[in-house]
C-alpha atoms as a PDB file:
ATOM      1  CA  MET A   1      76.732  93.482  48.533  1.00  0.00           C
ATOM      2  CA  SER A   2      78.167  85.473  50.488  1.00  0.00           C
ATOM      3  CA  ALA A   3      79.413  80.855  51.522  1.00  0.00           C
ATOM      4  CA  ALA A   4      79.354  78.541  54.503  1.00  0.00           C
ATOM      5  CA  HIS A   5      76.453  77.295  56.605  1.00  0.00           C
ATOM      6  CA  GLY A   6      75.914  77.941  60.424  1.00  0.00           C
ATOM      7  CA  ARG A   7      75.963  80.879  62.509  1.00  0.00           C
ATOM      8  CA  SER A   8      79.627  81.861  62.918  1.00  0.00           C
ATOM      9  CA  GLU A   9      81.287  84.813  64.798  1.00  0.00           C
ATOM     10  CA  GLY A  10      83.986  84.581  62.421  1.00  0.00           C
ATOM     11  CA  ALA A  11      84.576  84.146  59.039  1.00  0.00           C
ATOM     12  CA  LEU A  12      83.861  80.798  57.385  1.00  0.00           C
ATOM     13  CA  SER A  13      85.531  79.173  54.502  1.00  0.00           C
ATOM     14  CA  PRO A  14      83.325  78.174  51.531  1.00  0.00           C
ATOM     15  CA  ARG A  15      83.728  74.626  52.801  1.00  0.00           C
ATOM     16  CA  GLY A  16      82.169  75.524  56.320  1.00  0.00           C
ATOM     17  CA  GLY A  17      85.372  75.624  58.447  1.00  0.00           C
ATOM     18  CA  PRO A  18      86.527  78.465  60.560  1.00  0.00           C
ATOM     19  CA  ALA A  19      89.293  80.241  59.109  1.00  0.00           C
ATOM     20  CA  GLN A  20      92.524  79.650  60.964  1.00  0.00           C
ATOM     21  CA  SER A  21      96.093  81.565  60.978  1.00  0.00           C
ATOM     22  CA  ALA A  22      98.915  78.820  60.668  1.00  0.00           C
ATOM     23  CA  ALA A  23      99.889  79.452  64.108  1.00  0.00           C
ATOM     24  CA  GLY A  24      96.264  78.926  65.311  1.00  0.00           C
ATOM     25  CA  HIS A  25      96.113  82.366  67.032  1.00  0.00           C
ATOM     26  CA  THR A  26      95.559  85.903  65.802  1.00  0.00           C
ATOM     27  CA  THR A  27      97.488  89.164  65.882  1.00  0.00           C
ATOM     28  CA  ARG A  28      96.192  92.655  65.652  1.00  0.00           C
ATOM     29  CA  ALA A  29      97.342  95.696  63.616  1.00  0.00           C
ATOM     30  CA  ALA A  30      99.380  98.419  65.194  1.00  0.00           C
ATOM     31  CA  HIS A  31      99.038 102.124  64.650  1.00  0.00           C
ATOM     32  CA  GLY A  32     101.666 103.817  62.902  1.00  0.00           C
ATOM     33  CA  ARG A  33     102.192 104.927  58.849  1.00  0.00           C
ATOM     34  CA  SER A  34     100.691 102.935  56.105  1.00  0.00           C
ATOM     35  CA  GLU A  35     102.370 101.108  53.301  1.00  0.00           C
ATOM     36  CA  GLY A  36     101.446 103.732  50.847  1.00  0.00           C
ATOM     37  CA  ALA A  37      97.629 103.775  51.328  1.00  0.00           C
ATOM     38  CA  LEU A  38      95.662 106.123  49.047  1.00  0.00           C
ATOM     39  CA  SER A  39      92.615 108.062  49.622  1.00  0.00           C
ATOM     40  CA  PRO A  40      90.022 108.872  46.757  1.00  0.00           C
ATOM     41  CA  ARG A  41      92.151 111.863  45.939  1.00  0.00           C
ATOM     42  CA  GLY A  42      95.255 110.017  45.617  1.00  0.00           C
ATOM     43  CA  GLY A  43      96.672 111.129  49.023  1.00  0.00           C
ATOM     44  CA  PRO A  44      97.353 108.984  52.033  1.00  0.00           C
ATOM     45  CA  ALA A  45      94.324 107.460  53.858  1.00  0.00           C
ATOM     46  CA  GLN A  46      93.822 109.265  56.920  1.00  0.00           C
ATOM     47  CA  SER A  47      92.208 107.593  60.011  1.00  0.00           C
ATOM     48  CA  ALA A  48      89.718 109.454  62.537  1.00  0.00           C
ATOM     49  CA  ALA A  49      92.518 110.452  64.670  1.00  0.00           C
ATOM     50  CA  GLY A  50      94.522 111.853  61.430  1.00  0.00           C
ATOM     51  CA  HIS A  51      96.897 109.155  60.975  1.00  0.00           C
ATOM     52  CA  THR A  52      97.317 105.930  59.012  1.00  0.00           C
ATOM     53  CA  THR A  53      97.877 102.488  60.215  1.00  0.00           C
ATOM     54  CA  HIS A  54      99.967  99.614  59.370  1.00  0.00           C
ATOM     55  CA  ALA A  55      99.816  95.700  60.326  1.00  0.00           C
ATOM     56  CA  ALA A  56     101.983  94.269  63.142  1.00  0.00           C
ATOM     57  CA  SER A  57     104.813  92.291  61.908  1.00  0.00           C
ATOM     58  CA  GLY A  58     103.790  88.771  60.928  1.00  0.00           C
ATOM     59  CA  ALA A  59      99.981  89.472  60.811  1.00  0.00           C
ATOM     60  CA  ARG A  60      98.197  87.686  58.011  1.00  0.00           C
ATOM     61  CA  ARG A  61      96.927  89.899  55.122  1.00  0.00           C
ATOM     62  CA  ALA A  62      93.501  89.846  53.638  1.00  0.00           C
ATOM     63  CA  ILE A  63      91.822  91.829  51.161  1.00  0.00           C
ATOM     64  CA  VAL A  64      88.288  92.920  52.209  1.00  0.00           C
ATOM     65  CA  LEU A  65      85.862  94.300  49.989  1.00  0.00           C
ATOM     66  CA  LEU A  66      84.204  97.583  51.482  1.00  0.00           C
ATOM     67  CA  SER A  67      81.100  99.286  50.132  1.00  0.00           C
ATOM     68  CA  GLY A  68      80.524 101.522  52.909  1.00  0.00           C
ATOM     69  CA  GLY A  69      77.499  99.713  53.820  1.00  0.00           C
ATOM     70  CA  LEU A  70      76.259  97.931  56.554  1.00  0.00           C
ATOM     71  CA  ASP A  71      77.148  94.300  55.356  1.00  0.00           C
ATOM     72  CA  SER A  72      80.465  94.943  54.359  1.00  0.00           C
ATOM     73  CA  ALA A  73      81.456  97.117  57.572  1.00  0.00           C
ATOM     74  CA  THR A  74      80.487  93.930  59.606  1.00  0.00           C
ATOM     75  CA  VAL A  75      82.893  91.728  57.398  1.00  0.00           C
ATOM     76  CA  LEU A  76      85.974  94.225  57.862  1.00  0.00           C
ATOM     77  CA  ALA A  77      85.059  94.038  61.320  1.00  0.00           C
ATOM     78  CA  GLN A  78      85.111  90.413  61.716  1.00  0.00           C
ATOM     79  CA  ALA A  79      88.438  89.965  59.579  1.00  0.00           C
ATOM     80  CA  ARG A  80      90.210  92.525  61.919  1.00  0.00           C
ATOM     81  CA  ALA A  81      88.858  90.359  65.088  1.00  0.00           C
ATOM     82  CA  GLN A  82      90.449  87.344  63.442  1.00  0.00           C
ATOM     83  CA  GLY A  83      93.958  89.245  63.439  1.00  0.00           C
ATOM     84  CA  TYR A  84      94.228  89.884  59.572  1.00  0.00           C
ATOM     85  CA  ALA A  85      96.007  93.159  58.478  1.00  0.00           C
ATOM     86  CA  CYS A  86      93.072  94.346  56.331  1.00  0.00           C
ATOM     87  CA  HIS A  87      93.558  95.939  52.968  1.00  0.00           C
ATOM     88  CA  ALA A  88      90.063  97.433  52.315  1.00  0.00           C
ATOM     89  CA  LEU A  89      89.199  97.667  48.475  1.00  0.00           C
ATOM     90  CA  SER A  90      86.094  99.857  47.342  1.00  0.00           C
ATOM     91  CA  LEU A  91      84.929 100.260  43.699  1.00  0.00           C
ATOM     92  CA  ARG A  92      83.752 103.724  41.970  1.00  0.00           C
ATOM     93  CA  TYR A  93      81.682 101.643  39.566  1.00  0.00           C
ATOM     94  CA  GLY A  94      79.181 104.467  38.246  1.00  0.00           C
ATOM     95  CA  GLN A  95      76.722 104.131  41.209  1.00  0.00           C
ATOM     96  CA  ARG A  96      74.324 106.884  41.642  1.00  0.00           C
ATOM     97  CA  HIS A  97      76.002 108.654  44.512  1.00  0.00           C
ATOM     98  CA  SER A  98      79.444 108.882  46.324  1.00  0.00           C
ATOM     99  CA  ALA A  99      78.006 109.114  49.748  1.00  0.00           C
ATOM    100  CA  GLU A 100      78.628 105.112  50.150  1.00  0.00           C
ATOM    101  CA  LEU A 101      82.144 105.764  49.139  1.00  0.00           C
ATOM    102  CA  ASP A 102      82.666 108.505  51.688  1.00  0.00           C
ATOM    103  CA  ALA A 103      81.065 106.109  54.105  1.00  0.00           C
ATOM    104  CA  ALA A 104      83.662 103.471  53.235  1.00  0.00           C
ATOM    105  CA  VAL A 105      86.619 105.987  53.893  1.00  0.00           C
ATOM    106  CA  ARG A 106      85.100 106.543  57.373  1.00  0.00           C
ATOM    107  CA  VAL A 107      84.522 103.060  58.176  1.00  0.00           C
ATOM    108  CA  ALA A 108      88.214 101.752  56.817  1.00  0.00           C
ATOM    109  CA  ALA A 109      89.910 104.217  59.016  1.00  0.00           C
ATOM    110  CA  ALA A 110      87.287 103.402  62.293  1.00  0.00           C
ATOM    111  CA  LEU A 111      88.054  99.684  61.876  1.00  0.00           C
ATOM    112  CA  GLY A 112      91.567  99.862  61.465  1.00  0.00           C
ATOM    113  CA  ALA A 113      92.340  98.996  57.759  1.00  0.00           C
ATOM    114  CA  VAL A 114      96.037  98.963  56.975  1.00  0.00           C
ATOM    115  CA  ARG A 115      95.334 100.511  53.634  1.00  0.00           C
ATOM    116  CA  HIS A 116      92.336 101.423  51.505  1.00  0.00           C
ATOM    117  CA  GLU A 117      91.906 101.888  47.894  1.00  0.00           C
ATOM    118  CA  ILE A 118      89.039 103.008  45.797  1.00  0.00           C
ATOM    119  CA  VAL A 119      89.443 101.646  42.191  1.00  0.00           C
ATOM    120  CA  ASP A 120      87.298 103.748  39.227  1.00  0.00           C
ATOM    121  CA  LEU A 121      85.755 101.225  36.923  1.00  0.00           C
ATOM    122  CA  ASP A 122      82.805 102.606  35.533  1.00  0.00           C
ATOM    123  CA  LEU A 123      80.506  99.705  34.971  1.00  0.00           C
ATOM    124  CA  GLY A 124      77.468 102.209  34.275  1.00  0.00           C
ATOM    125  CA  ARG A 125      78.739 102.577  30.943  1.00  0.00           C
ATOM    126  CA  PHE A 126      77.417  99.233  30.007  1.00  0.00           C
ATOM    127  CA  GLY A 127      73.915  99.753  31.815  1.00  0.00           C
ATOM    128  CA  GLY A 128      71.702  96.755  32.863  1.00  0.00           C
ATOM    129  CA  SER A 129      71.079  97.962  36.541  1.00  0.00           C
ATOM    130  CA  ALA A 130      69.238 100.522  38.366  1.00  0.00           C
ATOM    131  CA  LEU A 131      72.071 101.334  40.588  1.00  0.00           C
ATOM    132  CA  THR A 132      74.017 102.956  37.818  1.00  0.00           C
ATOM    133  CA  ASP A 133      71.124 104.250  35.308  1.00  0.00           C
ATOM    134  CA  ALA A 134      68.895 106.990  36.872  1.00  0.00           C
ATOM    135  CA  SER A 135      66.434 106.512  34.432  1.00  0.00           C
ATOM    136  CA  GLN A 136      65.266 103.056  35.856  1.00  0.00           C
ATOM    137  CA  ALA A 137      63.061 103.471  38.853  1.00  0.00           C
ATOM    138  CA  LEU A 138      64.426 101.893  42.102  1.00  0.00           C
ATOM    139  CA  PRO A 139      62.277  99.097  43.973  1.00  0.00           C
ATOM    140  CA  THR A 140      60.282 100.498  46.958  1.00  0.00           C
ATOM    141  CA  GLU A 141      58.167  97.571  47.472  1.00  0.00           C
ATOM    142  CA  GLY A 142      60.322  95.170  48.975  1.00  0.00           C
ATOM    143  CA  PRO A 143      62.057  91.774  47.260  1.00  0.00           C
ATOM    144  CA  GLY A 144      60.098  90.260  44.617  1.00  0.00           C
ATOM    145  CA  ASP A 145      60.652  87.206  42.290  1.00  0.00           C
ATOM    146  CA  GLY A 146      63.864  86.885  40.314  1.00  0.00           C
ATOM    147  CA  ILE A 147      66.849  88.821  39.939  1.00  0.00           C
ATOM    148  CA  PRO A 148      66.303  92.411  41.305  1.00  0.00           C
ATOM    149  CA  VAL A 149      66.675  95.526  38.839  1.00  0.00           C
ATOM    150  CA  THR A 150      69.530  96.635  41.380  1.00  0.00           C
ATOM    151  CA  TYR A 151      71.576  93.708  40.320  1.00  0.00           C
ATOM    152  CA  VAL A 152      74.905  95.057  38.620  1.00  0.00           C
ATOM    153  CA  PRO A 153      75.687  92.773  35.959  1.00  0.00           C
ATOM    154  CA  ALA A 154      78.842  90.708  37.250  1.00  0.00           C
ATOM    155  CA  ARG A 155      79.699  93.423  39.898  1.00  0.00           C
ATOM    156  CA  ASN A 156      80.790  90.809  42.487  1.00  0.00           C
ATOM    157  CA  THR A 157      82.977  88.927  40.005  1.00  0.00           C
ATOM    158  CA  VAL A 158      84.798  92.080  38.870  1.00  0.00           C
ATOM    159  CA  LEU A 159      85.387  93.159  42.389  1.00  0.00           C
ATOM    160  CA  LEU A 160      86.524  89.808  43.505  1.00  0.00           C
ATOM    161  CA  ALA A 161      89.007  89.695  40.461  1.00  0.00           C
ATOM    162  CA  LEU A 162      90.399  93.246  41.643  1.00  0.00           C
ATOM    163  CA  ALA A 163      90.737  91.713  45.092  1.00  0.00           C
ATOM    164  CA  LEU A 164      92.669  88.909  43.956  1.00  0.00           C
ATOM    165  CA  SER A 165      95.219  90.680  41.783  1.00  0.00           C
ATOM    166  CA  TRP A 166      95.715  92.899  44.704  1.00  0.00           C
ATOM    167  CA  ALA A 167      96.116  89.759  47.045  1.00  0.00           C
ATOM    168  CA  GLU A 168      98.562  88.137  44.765  1.00  0.00           C
ATOM    169  CA  ALA A 169     100.753  91.453  44.580  1.00  0.00           C
ATOM    170  CA  VAL A 170     100.908  91.813  48.426  1.00  0.00           C
ATOM    171  CA  GLY A 171     100.909  88.239  49.515  1.00  0.00           C
ATOM    172  CA  ALA A 172      97.460  87.862  50.718  1.00  0.00           C
ATOM    173  CA  HIS A 173      95.768  84.562  50.567  1.00  0.00           C
ATOM    174  CA  ASP A 174      92.334  85.447  52.159  1.00  0.00           C
ATOM    175  CA  LEU A 175      89.504  87.590  50.323  1.00  0.00           C
ATOM    176  CA  PHE A 176      86.653  88.571  52.336  1.00  0.00           C
ATOM    177  CA  TYR A 177      83.087  89.906  51.299  1.00  0.00           C
ATOM    178  CA  GLY A 178      79.784  90.592  52.438  1.00  0.00           C
ATOM    179  CA  ALA A 179      77.608  88.749  50.387  1.00  0.00           C
ATOM    180  CA  ASN A 180      74.195  87.611  52.172  1.00  0.00           C
ATOM    181  CA  ALA A 181      72.084  85.050  50.497  1.00  0.00           C
ATOM    182  CA  VAL A 182      69.152  85.812  53.382  1.00  0.00           C
ATOM    183  CA  ASP A 183      67.726  89.290  52.306  1.00  0.00           C
ATOM    184  CA  TYR A 184      69.417  89.501  48.731  1.00  0.00           C
ATOM    185  CA  SER A 185      68.690  85.986  47.633  1.00  0.00           C
ATOM    186  CA  GLY A 186      67.909  87.161  44.064  1.00  0.00           C
ATOM    187  CA  TYR A 187      71.628  88.057  43.434  1.00  0.00           C
ATOM    188  CA  PRO A 188      73.521  85.447  41.717  1.00  0.00           C
ATOM    189  CA  ASP A 189      76.772  86.505  42.929  1.00  0.00           C
ATOM    190  CA  CYS A 190      75.918  86.215  46.610  1.00  0.00           C
ATOM    191  CA  ARG A 191      75.241  82.370  46.493  1.00  0.00           C
ATOM    192  CA  PRO A 192      77.370  79.782  48.099  1.00  0.00           C
ATOM    193  CA  ALA A 193      77.974  78.093  44.635  1.00  0.00           C
ATOM    194  CA  PHE A 194      79.466  81.218  43.330  1.00  0.00           C
ATOM    195  CA  VAL A 195      81.685  82.035  46.273  1.00  0.00           C
ATOM    196  CA  ALA A 196      83.171  78.439  45.863  1.00  0.00           C
ATOM    197  CA  ALA A 197      83.207  78.750  42.013  1.00  0.00           C
ATOM    198  CA  PHE A 198      85.489  81.915  42.513  1.00  0.00           C
ATOM    199  CA  GLU A 199      87.691  80.276  44.984  1.00  0.00           C
ATOM    200  CA  GLN A 200      88.225  77.550  42.559  1.00  0.00           C
ATOM    201  CA  LEU A 201      89.068  79.955  39.851  1.00  0.00           C
ATOM    202  CA  ALA A 202      91.270  81.873  42.175  1.00  0.00           C
ATOM    203  CA  ASN A 203      93.568  78.796  42.635  1.00  0.00           C
ATOM    204  CA  VAL A 204      93.947  77.753  38.891  1.00  0.00           C
ATOM    205  CA  ALA A 205      94.341  81.233  37.511  1.00  0.00           C
ATOM    206  CA  THR A 206      97.058  82.741  39.617  1.00  0.00           C
ATOM    207  CA  ARG A 207     100.716  81.807  40.213  1.00  0.00           C
ATOM    208  CA  ASP A 208     100.347  81.568  43.747  1.00  0.00           C
ATOM    209  CA  GLY A 209      97.522  79.076  43.440  1.00  0.00           C
ATOM    210  CA  VAL A 210      99.191  77.003  41.117  1.00  0.00           C
ATOM    211  CA  GLU A 211     102.381  76.926  43.221  1.00  0.00           C
ATOM    212  CA  GLY A 212     100.253  75.763  46.094  1.00  0.00           C
ATOM    213  CA  ARG A 213      99.808  78.983  47.792  1.00  0.00           C
ATOM    214  CA  GLY A 214      96.258  78.845  47.533  1.00  0.00           C
ATOM    215  CA  PHE A 215      93.392  81.374  48.276  1.00  0.00           C
ATOM    216  CA  ARG A 216      90.376  81.325  50.243  1.00  0.00           C
ATOM    217  CA  VAL A 217      87.233  83.426  49.731  1.00  0.00           C
ATOM    218  CA  HIS A 218      85.398  84.095  52.986  1.00  0.00           C
ATOM    219  CA  ALA A 219      81.728  85.333  53.146  1.00  0.00           C
ATOM    220  CA  PRO A 220      80.963  85.101  56.734  1.00  0.00           C
ATOM    221  CA  ILE A 221      77.350  86.549  56.673  1.00  0.00           C
ATOM    222  CA  ILE A 222      75.994  84.651  53.797  1.00  0.00           C
ATOM    223  CA  ASP A 223      73.259  82.964  55.875  1.00  0.00           C
ATOM    224  CA  LEU A 224      72.864  85.589  58.518  1.00  0.00           C
ATOM    225  CA  SER A 225      69.687  87.647  58.818  1.00  0.00           C
ATOM    226  CA  LYS A 226      69.852  91.314  58.960  1.00  0.00           C
ATOM    227  CA  ALA A 227      69.378  91.451  62.753  1.00  0.00           C
ATOM    228  CA  GLU A 228      72.061  88.793  63.198  1.00  0.00           C
ATOM    229  CA  ILE A 229      74.411  90.963  61.362  1.00  0.00           C
ATOM    230  CA  ILE A 230      73.724  93.926  63.085  1.00  0.00           C
ATOM    231  CA  ARG A 231      74.024  92.260  66.084  1.00  0.00           C
ATOM    232  CA  GLU A 232      77.386  90.465  65.312  1.00  0.00           C
ATOM    233  CA  GLY A 233      78.582  94.015  64.369  1.00  0.00           C
ATOM    234  CA  LEU A 234      77.519  95.831  67.302  1.00  0.00           C
ATOM    235  CA  ARG A 235      79.486  93.129  69.416  1.00  0.00           C
ATOM    236  CA  LEU A 236      82.655  93.927  67.214  1.00  0.00           C
ATOM    237  CA  GLY A 237      82.141  97.728  67.847  1.00  0.00           C
ATOM    238  CA  VAL A 238      80.819  98.745  64.532  1.00  0.00           C
ATOM    239  CA  ASP A 239      79.267 101.973  64.531  1.00  0.00           C
ATOM    240  CA  TYR A 240      76.604 101.773  61.971  1.00  0.00           C
ATOM    241  CA  SER A 241      75.997 105.517  61.856  1.00  0.00           C
ATOM    242  CA  MET A 242      79.152 105.900  59.872  1.00  0.00           C
ATOM    243  CA  THR A 243      77.663 103.454  56.995  1.00  0.00           C
ATOM    244  CA  VAL A 244      75.369 104.098  54.034  1.00  0.00           C
ATOM    245  CA  SER A 245      73.075 101.550  52.625  1.00  0.00           C
ATOM    246  CA  CYS A 246      70.584 103.507  50.659  1.00  0.00           C
ATOM    247  CA  TYR A 247      70.194 103.383  47.072  1.00  0.00           C
ATOM    248  CA  GLN A 248      69.869 107.126  46.687  1.00  0.00           C
ATOM    249  CA  ALA A 249      71.442 108.974  49.546  1.00  0.00           C
ATOM    250  CA  ASP A 250      72.019 112.410  49.198  1.00  0.00           C
ATOM    251  CA  ALA A 251      75.401 114.136  49.384  1.00  0.00           C
ATOM    252  CA  GLN A 252      75.298 114.208  53.237  1.00  0.00           C
ATOM    253  CA  GLY A 253      74.686 110.466  53.078  1.00  0.00           C
ATOM    254  CA  ARG A 254      71.011 110.831  54.391  1.00  0.00           C
ATOM    255  CA  ALA A 255      69.003 107.891  53.311  1.00  0.00           C
ATOM    256  CA  CYS A 256      65.605 108.211  51.515  1.00  0.00           C
ATOM    257  CA  GLY A 257      63.817 105.817  53.885  1.00  0.00           C
ATOM    258  CA  VAL A 258      61.829 104.100  50.957  1.00  0.00           C
ATOM    259  CA  CYS A 259      64.077 102.049  48.807  1.00  0.00           C
ATOM    260  CA  ASP A 260      64.456  98.262  49.298  1.00  0.00           C
ATOM    261  CA  SER A 261      67.951  98.540  50.862  1.00  0.00           C
ATOM    262  CA  CYS A 262      66.442 101.204  53.177  1.00  0.00           C
ATOM    263  CA  ARG A 263      63.290  98.913  54.159  1.00  0.00           C
ATOM    264  CA  ILE A 264      65.572  96.284  54.944  1.00  0.00           C
ATOM    265  CA  ARG A 265      68.102  97.961  56.829  1.00  0.00           C
ATOM    266  CA  ALA A 266      65.515  99.746  58.960  1.00  0.00           C
ATOM    267  CA  ALA A 267      63.631  96.208  59.416  1.00  0.00           C
ATOM    268  CA  GLY A 268      67.144  94.536  60.774  1.00  0.00           C
ATOM    269  CA  PHE A 269      67.501  97.151  63.567  1.00  0.00           C
ATOM    270  CA  ALA A 270      64.090  96.965  64.500  1.00  0.00           C
ATOM    271  CA  ALA A 271      64.474  92.948  64.486  1.00  0.00           C
ATOM    272  CA  ALA A 272      67.816  93.241  66.468  1.00  0.00           C
ATOM    273  CA  GLY A 273      66.186  95.332  69.130  1.00  0.00           C
ATOM    274  CA  VAL A 274      68.250  98.129  68.666  1.00  0.00           C
ATOM    275  CA  ALA A 275      68.045 101.695  67.722  1.00  0.00           C
ATOM    276  CA  ASP A 276      68.351 102.524  64.139  1.00  0.00           C
ATOM    277  CA  PRO A 277      71.188 104.950  63.799  1.00  0.00           C
ATOM    278  CA  THR A 278      70.671 105.858  60.059  1.00  0.00           C
ATOM    279  CA  ARG A 279      70.327 109.646  59.466  1.00  0.00           C
ATOM    280  CA  TYR A 280      67.019 109.985  57.222  1.00  0.00           C
ATOM    281  CA  ARG A 281      66.577 113.029  55.001  1.00  0.00           C
ATOM    282  CA  GLU A 282      63.279 114.868  55.433  1.00  0.00           C
ATOM    283  CA  ARG A 283      60.428 113.553  53.117  1.00  0.00           C
ATOM    284  CA  GLU A 284      58.472 116.281  51.244  1.00  0.00           C
END
């Protein structure tokens, strides 16, 4: 599972400027009860300490797409570091396993999301992707030419549309997602042009947009290498052992070590010069 150019330690808008609060400073979330956070089973979302969190009064709200993988965890940490009260949004879209969503629950709690929603919308019923169709082979030879078979038709468009709906409902005007055009340049919904186009759509398709309370779509890691993303996340305190990136992880979240996503992740840790915390299952 991005738009501005240049290296940044914070979110960049598709126009290349750093995201700023109205007052030019940031605030942080405080611990307490959530405003109706839901777990995947419909109950209150729990943090690692067994309680939920809510935003400090006056904090800007943001919707952050959270898959449970390395990239989206980094983006959530970036948004939190900028003082946003982060509402994390995950999608059960018919992917091959639930381990990544289990990871999203852990990451949302650990990184202080004020609310985490998992929406059920089965894109797999339409087909068209190796991530939702177990009869299709997953790539293991590294990225090739063209759009990969792991592309899920219009997935990021659907996710951002859901995020936009939630944002308008809760008075948020910033959407964050972990698109990356370096490692996954074949995905059309991970390009700067897509990010800019969706932001334009958001501002003509919503009440807040047409009334002048515009939306911004942030893709802060769009032009970072995997090693740079990892270094940024570590700087912000992300525990990558909580995340799952594997296309075919088992029920315990252990990675296969051979799919393209595993290969890119492992190469990123090696390039960053840090130990890979990924749990791999034993190969037969």
